[in-house]
Amino acid sequence: MRALAAAVLLLALAACSSGDAQESSASEPGFEVPTGLSLSDPGTEKKVRESMAVAYPSADDEAGTALTLGVARIDKVPRRDLSLFTVPEGMQPYYVRVVMGNRGPAAAEFPEGLPWWLHLAGDVLVPPTATPAGLTACAAPKVGASFAAGQTAKGCLLFLVPRGTAVESVDFQPGDVTTAVRWRP
């Protein structure tokens, strides 16, 4: 079932076109957007299992590129998955399964890691936690500091959230809060 959901999301990312994404009302991007692809504006919200295309790092960057992004699932981590690891007291771990594709024209550079965040109630942003070695149930997307045009990656991000705190969205935020796009559960 997970493989089917990931395959459907990958197909949606590959087909992301003007009908699938909110068309940008901003001026023309500083880079050439691939034919048939419409970029979503910062602030765009989708539901989990939907995809969108965004300019990265920003639309006005001449060295920018178009990324297709999707969030396939948000799941509380089953206790058995982390039974061999120490989870800080009072924290609830979550798996967030994401899909990314670089549609070009340039490589995407991630010198500080992937800009995915979990947005919690109270307007709190939580970065992903490093996945412990040996945790096979949640392997991070294979994206290095540079993500070449034409590459696609899917994987899992691990987040630790204070118990009882509501998850409002999964955000991809390459800059300040005004650059975020988000997926609501």
C-alpha atoms as a PDB file:
ATOM      1  CA  MET A   1       0.000   0.000   0.000  1.00  0.00           C
ATOM      2  CA  ARG A   2       2.840   2.418   0.855  1.00  0.00           C
ATOM      3  CA  ALA A   3       4.541   1.628  -2.460  1.00  0.00           C
ATOM      4  CA  LEU A   4       1.295   2.330  -4.299  1.00  0.00           C
ATOM      5  CA  ALA A   5       0.796   5.656  -2.511  1.00  0.00           C
ATOM      6  CA  ALA A   6       4.395   6.673  -3.265  1.00  0.00           C
ATOM      7  CA  ALA A   7       4.013   5.662  -6.919  1.00  0.00           C
ATOM      8  CA  VAL A   8       0.813   7.700  -7.247  1.00  0.00           C
ATOM      9  CA  LEU A   9       2.512  10.717  -5.679  1.00  0.00           C
ATOM     10  CA  LEU A  10       5.537  10.321  -7.970  1.00  0.00           C
ATOM     11  CA  LEU A  11       3.230  10.238 -10.998  1.00  0.00           C
ATOM     12  CA  ALA A  12       1.450  13.330  -9.736  1.00  0.00           C
ATOM     13  CA  LEU A  13       4.790  15.095  -9.313  1.00  0.00           C
ATOM     14  CA  ALA A  14       5.845  14.140 -12.826  1.00  0.00           C
ATOM     15  CA  ALA A  15       2.544  15.377 -14.245  1.00  0.00           C
ATOM     16  CA  CYS A  16       2.446  18.582 -12.186  1.00  0.00           C
ATOM     17  CA  SER A  17       1.119  21.127 -14.675  1.00  0.00           C
ATOM     18  CA  SER A  18      -1.005  24.258 -14.820  1.00  0.00           C
ATOM     19  CA  GLY A  19      -4.046  22.240 -13.750  1.00  0.00           C
ATOM     20  CA  ASP A  20      -2.277  20.791 -10.702  1.00  0.00           C
ATOM     21  CA  ALA A  21      -0.640  23.836  -9.168  1.00  0.00           C
ATOM     22  CA  GLN A  22      -1.779  27.316  -8.294  1.00  0.00           C
ATOM     23  CA  GLU A  23      -0.369  29.490 -11.060  1.00  0.00           C
ATOM     24  CA  SER A  24       2.002  32.173  -9.862  1.00  0.00           C
ATOM     25  CA  SER A  25       0.674  35.704 -10.024  1.00  0.00           C
ATOM     26  CA  ALA A  26       4.187  37.109  -9.581  1.00  0.00           C
ATOM     27  CA  SER A  27       6.299  38.347 -12.454  1.00  0.00           C
ATOM     28  CA  GLU A  28       8.122  35.891 -14.711  1.00  0.00           C
ATOM     29  CA  PRO A  29      10.775  33.836 -12.911  1.00  0.00           C
ATOM     30  CA  GLY A  30      14.437  34.681 -13.416  1.00  0.00           C
ATOM     31  CA  PHE A  31      15.053  31.174 -14.838  1.00  0.00           C
ATOM     32  CA  GLU A  32      13.399  29.208 -17.631  1.00  0.00           C
ATOM     33  CA  VAL A  33      10.511  27.181 -16.208  1.00  0.00           C
ATOM     34  CA  PRO A  34      10.157  23.756 -17.869  1.00  0.00           C
ATOM     35  CA  THR A  35       7.404  23.600 -20.480  1.00  0.00           C
ATOM     36  CA  GLY A  36       3.982  22.713 -19.081  1.00  0.00           C
ATOM     37  CA  LEU A  37       4.929  23.459 -15.466  1.00  0.00           C
ATOM     38  CA  SER A  38       3.280  26.225 -13.431  1.00  0.00           C
ATOM     39  CA  LEU A  39       4.924  27.369 -10.239  1.00  0.00           C
ATOM     40  CA  SER A  40       2.961  27.795  -7.020  1.00  0.00           C
ATOM     41  CA  ASP A  41       3.317  31.030  -5.089  1.00  0.00           C
ATOM     42  CA  PRO A  42       4.842  31.124  -1.611  1.00  0.00           C
ATOM     43  CA  GLY A  43       2.002  30.635   0.862  1.00  0.00           C
ATOM     44  CA  THR A  44       0.280  27.976  -1.249  1.00  0.00           C
ATOM     45  CA  GLU A  45      -1.401  25.243   0.795  1.00  0.00           C
ATOM     46  CA  LYS A  46      -2.220  21.719  -0.338  1.00  0.00           C
ATOM     47  CA  LYS A  47      -3.581  18.638   1.345  1.00  0.00           C
ATOM     48  CA  VAL A  48      -1.352  15.673   2.160  1.00  0.00           C
ATOM     49  CA  ARG A  49      -1.054  13.460  -0.966  1.00  0.00           C
ATOM     50  CA  GLU A  50      -1.171  16.490  -3.297  1.00  0.00           C
ATOM     51  CA  SER A  51       1.837  17.935  -5.089  1.00  0.00           C
ATOM     52  CA  MET A  52       2.992  21.325  -6.291  1.00  0.00           C
ATOM     53  CA  ALA A  53       5.867  22.931  -8.159  1.00  0.00           C
ATOM     54  CA  VAL A  54       7.877  25.780  -6.629  1.00  0.00           C
ATOM     55  CA  ALA A  55      10.763  28.006  -7.624  1.00  0.00           C
ATOM     56  CA  TYR A  56      13.890  27.247  -5.609  1.00  0.00           C
ATOM     57  CA  PRO A  57      15.507  29.077  -3.929  1.00  0.00           C
ATOM     58  CA  SER A  58      13.225  31.854  -5.265  1.00  0.00           C
ATOM     59  CA  ALA A  59      11.503  32.824  -8.492  1.00  0.00           C
ATOM     60  CA  ASP A  60      13.715  35.852  -9.091  1.00  0.00           C
ATOM     61  CA  ASP A  61      16.971  33.879  -8.818  1.00  0.00           C
ATOM     62  CA  GLU A  62      18.524  33.487 -12.287  1.00  0.00           C
ATOM     63  CA  ALA A  63      20.354  30.382 -11.075  1.00  0.00           C
ATOM     64  CA  GLY A  64      17.096  28.950  -9.674  1.00  0.00           C
ATOM     65  CA  THR A  65      15.272  25.779 -10.573  1.00  0.00           C
ATOM     66  CA  ALA A  66      11.786  24.277 -10.420  1.00  0.00           C
ATOM     67  CA  LEU A  67      11.145  21.664  -7.735  1.00  0.00           C
ATOM     68  CA  THR A  68       8.111  19.412  -7.594  1.00  0.00           C
ATOM     69  CA  LEU A  69       7.235  18.541  -4.008  1.00  0.00           C
ATOM     70  CA  GLY A  70       4.729  16.380  -2.218  1.00  0.00           C
ATOM     71  CA  VAL A  71       3.915  15.033   1.210  1.00  0.00           C
ATOM     72  CA  ALA A  72       2.609  11.476   0.993  1.00  0.00           C
ATOM     73  CA  ARG A  73       1.883  10.794   4.677  1.00  0.00           C
ATOM     74  CA  ILE A  74       2.168  12.042   8.238  1.00  0.00           C
ATOM     75  CA  ASP A  75       2.170   9.193  10.774  1.00  0.00           C
ATOM     76  CA  LYS A  76       2.716   8.854  14.498  1.00  0.00           C
ATOM     77  CA  VAL A  77       5.650   6.472  14.930  1.00  0.00           C
ATOM     78  CA  PRO A  78       4.708   3.044  16.290  1.00  0.00           C
ATOM     79  CA  ARG A  79       6.493   2.354  19.599  1.00  0.00           C
ATOM     80  CA  ARG A  80       8.065  -0.838  18.211  1.00  0.00           C
ATOM     81  CA  ASP A  81       9.950   1.199  15.557  1.00  0.00           C
ATOM     82  CA  LEU A  82      11.907   3.123  18.183  1.00  0.00           C
ATOM     83  CA  SER A  83      12.110   0.459  20.911  1.00  0.00           C
ATOM     84  CA  LEU A  84      15.906   0.286  20.543  1.00  0.00           C
ATOM     85  CA  PHE A  85      16.339   4.067  20.659  1.00  0.00           C
ATOM     86  CA  THR A  86      15.872   6.703  23.348  1.00  0.00           C
ATOM     87  CA  VAL A  87      13.049   9.143  22.667  1.00  0.00           C
ATOM     88  CA  PRO A  88      13.204  12.210  24.938  1.00  0.00           C
ATOM     89  CA  GLU A  89      10.602  12.219  27.713  1.00  0.00           C
ATOM     90  CA  GLY A  90       7.334  13.862  26.723  1.00  0.00           C
ATOM     91  CA  MET A  91       7.984  13.700  22.970  1.00  0.00           C
ATOM     92  CA  GLN A  92       5.884  12.053  20.249  1.00  0.00           C
ATOM     93  CA  PRO A  93       7.825  11.016  17.132  1.00  0.00           C
ATOM     94  CA  TYR A  94       6.261  11.451  13.679  1.00  0.00           C
ATOM     95  CA  TYR A  95       7.244  10.105  10.278  1.00  0.00           C
ATOM     96  CA  VAL A  96       6.669  12.467   7.362  1.00  0.00           C
ATOM     97  CA  ARG A  97       7.043  10.820   3.964  1.00  0.00           C
ATOM     98  CA  VAL A  98       8.061  13.279   1.237  1.00  0.00           C
ATOM     99  CA  VAL A  99       8.775  13.214  -2.484  1.00  0.00           C
ATOM    100  CA  MET A 100      10.976  15.727  -4.299  1.00  0.00           C
ATOM    101  CA  GLY A 101      11.879  16.180  -7.937  1.00  0.00           C
ATOM    102  CA  ASN A 102      14.142  18.728  -9.612  1.00  0.00           C
ATOM    103  CA  ARG A 103      12.575  19.637 -12.951  1.00  0.00           C
ATOM    104  CA  GLY A 104      15.402  22.019 -13.847  1.00  0.00           C
ATOM    105  CA  PRO A 105      17.018  23.871 -15.349  1.00  0.00           C
ATOM    106  CA  ALA A 106      19.677  24.072 -12.600  1.00  0.00           C
ATOM    107  CA  ALA A 107      20.877  21.995  -9.672  1.00  0.00           C
ATOM    108  CA  ALA A 108      19.283  22.795  -6.311  1.00  0.00           C
ATOM    109  CA  GLU A 109      21.812  23.470  -3.583  1.00  0.00           C
ATOM    110  CA  PHE A 110      21.025  22.482   0.023  1.00  0.00           C
ATOM    111  CA  PRO A 111      24.179  23.441   1.980  1.00  0.00           C
ATOM    112  CA  GLU A 112      22.284  23.503   5.309  1.00  0.00           C
ATOM    113  CA  GLY A 113      20.093  20.461   4.656  1.00  0.00           C
ATOM    114  CA  LEU A 114      16.575  20.108   3.317  1.00  0.00           C
ATOM    115  CA  PRO A 115      14.258  22.965   4.350  1.00  0.00           C
ATOM    116  CA  TRP A 116      11.348  20.798   5.579  1.00  0.00           C
ATOM    117  CA  TRP A 117       9.647  21.775   8.854  1.00  0.00           C
ATOM    118  CA  LEU A 118       6.745  20.527  10.952  1.00  0.00           C
ATOM    119  CA  HIS A 119       4.444  23.437  11.797  1.00  0.00           C
ATOM    120  CA  LEU A 120       2.804  22.951  15.200  1.00  0.00           C
ATOM    121  CA  ALA A 121      -0.031  24.689  17.057  1.00  0.00           C
ATOM    122  CA  GLY A 122       1.132  27.984  18.543  1.00  0.00           C
ATOM    123  CA  ASP A 123       3.019  28.846  15.346  1.00  0.00           C
ATOM    124  CA  VAL A 124       6.024  26.691  16.302  1.00  0.00           C
ATOM    125  CA  LEU A 125       8.329  25.253  13.610  1.00  0.00           C
ATOM    126  CA  VAL A 126      10.232  22.031  14.340  1.00  0.00           C
ATOM    127  CA  PRO A 127      13.114  20.838  12.115  1.00  0.00           C
ATOM    128  CA  PRO A 128      13.561  17.155  11.324  1.00  0.00           C
ATOM    129  CA  THR A 129      15.620  15.071  13.730  1.00  0.00           C
ATOM    130  CA  ALA A 130      18.555  13.063  12.472  1.00  0.00           C
ATOM    131  CA  THR A 131      17.369   9.513  11.884  1.00  0.00           C
ATOM    132  CA  PRO A 132      19.212   7.090  14.193  1.00  0.00           C
ATOM    133  CA  ALA A 133      21.538   4.643  12.453  1.00  0.00           C
ATOM    134  CA  GLY A 134      19.786   1.333  12.061  1.00  0.00           C
ATOM    135  CA  LEU A 135      16.253   2.779  11.847  1.00  0.00           C
ATOM    136  CA  THR A 136      15.148   1.217   8.578  1.00  0.00           C
ATOM    137  CA  ALA A 137      11.486   2.252   8.826  1.00  0.00           C
ATOM    138  CA  CYS A 138      12.382   5.884   8.082  1.00  0.00           C
ATOM    139  CA  ALA A 139      15.157   6.529   5.562  1.00  0.00           C
ATOM    140  CA  ALA A 140      15.709  10.172   4.629  1.00  0.00           C
ATOM    141  CA  PRO A 141      15.449  11.212   0.965  1.00  0.00           C
ATOM    142  CA  LYS A 142      18.785  10.677  -0.798  1.00  0.00           C
ATOM    143  CA  VAL A 143      19.487  14.324  -1.543  1.00  0.00           C
ATOM    144  CA  GLY A 144      22.943  15.667  -0.881  1.00  0.00           C
ATOM    145  CA  ALA A 145      24.133  19.245  -0.766  1.00  0.00           C
ATOM    146  CA  SER A 146      23.398  19.384  -4.515  1.00  0.00           C
ATOM    147  CA  PHE A 147      20.296  17.924  -6.193  1.00  0.00           C
ATOM    148  CA  ALA A 148      20.803  17.743  -9.970  1.00  0.00           C
ATOM    149  CA  ALA A 149      18.146  18.636 -12.536  1.00  0.00           C
ATOM    150  CA  GLY A 150      16.225  15.498 -13.475  1.00  0.00           C
ATOM    151  CA  GLN A 151      16.701  13.782 -10.101  1.00  0.00           C
ATOM    152  CA  THR A 152      13.826  12.528  -7.960  1.00  0.00           C
ATOM    153  CA  ALA A 153      14.022  11.437  -4.339  1.00  0.00           C
ATOM    154  CA  LYS A 154      11.531  10.104  -1.851  1.00  0.00           C
ATOM    155  CA  GLY A 155      12.025   9.299   1.767  1.00  0.00           C
ATOM    156  CA  CYS A 156      11.022   9.817   5.339  1.00  0.00           C
ATOM    157  CA  LEU A 157      11.768  12.606   7.793  1.00  0.00           C
ATOM    158  CA  LEU A 158      11.629  12.025  11.561  1.00  0.00           C
ATOM    159  CA  PHE A 159      10.196  14.787  13.753  1.00  0.00           C
ATOM    160  CA  LEU A 160       9.951  14.903  17.561  1.00  0.00           C
ATOM    161  CA  VAL A 161       6.910  16.826  18.800  1.00  0.00           C
ATOM    162  CA  PRO A 162       5.877  17.598  22.394  1.00  0.00           C
ATOM    163  CA  ARG A 163       3.058  15.190  23.322  1.00  0.00           C
ATOM    164  CA  GLY A 164      -0.378  16.755  23.031  1.00  0.00           C
ATOM    165  CA  THR A 165       0.724  19.363  20.487  1.00  0.00           C
ATOM    166  CA  ALA A 166      -1.287  19.466  17.261  1.00  0.00           C
ATOM    167  CA  VAL A 167       0.478  19.189  13.900  1.00  0.00           C
ATOM    168  CA  GLU A 168      -0.920  21.938  11.668  1.00  0.00           C
ATOM    169  CA  SER A 169       1.147  21.409   8.521  1.00  0.00           C
ATOM    170  CA  VAL A 170       4.328  20.174   6.910  1.00  0.00           C
ATOM    171  CA  ASP A 171       6.195  23.160   5.461  1.00  0.00           C
ATOM    172  CA  PHE A 172       8.876  23.459   2.795  1.00  0.00           C
ATOM    173  CA  GLN A 173      10.511  26.774   3.705  1.00  0.00           C
ATOM    174  CA  PRO A 174      13.701  27.675   1.822  1.00  0.00           C
ATOM    175  CA  GLY A 175      13.992  31.154   3.376  1.00  0.00           C
ATOM    176  CA  ASP A 176      12.013  33.097   5.949  1.00  0.00           C
ATOM    177  CA  VAL A 177       8.385  32.288   6.745  1.00  0.00           C
ATOM    178  CA  THR A 178       7.152  34.206   3.665  1.00  0.00           C
ATOM    179  CA  THR A 179       8.777  31.585   1.370  1.00  0.00           C
ATOM    180  CA  ALA A 180       6.897  28.608   2.863  1.00  0.00           C
ATOM    181  CA  VAL A 181       4.493  26.317   1.058  1.00  0.00           C
ATOM    182  CA  ARG A 182       2.596  23.800   3.170  1.00  0.00           C
ATOM    183  CA  TRP A 183       0.620  20.600   3.315  1.00  0.00           C
ATOM    184  CA  ARG A 184      -2.266  20.311   5.761  1.00  0.00           C
ATOM    185  CA  PRO A 185      -3.230  16.924   7.259  1.00  0.00           C
END
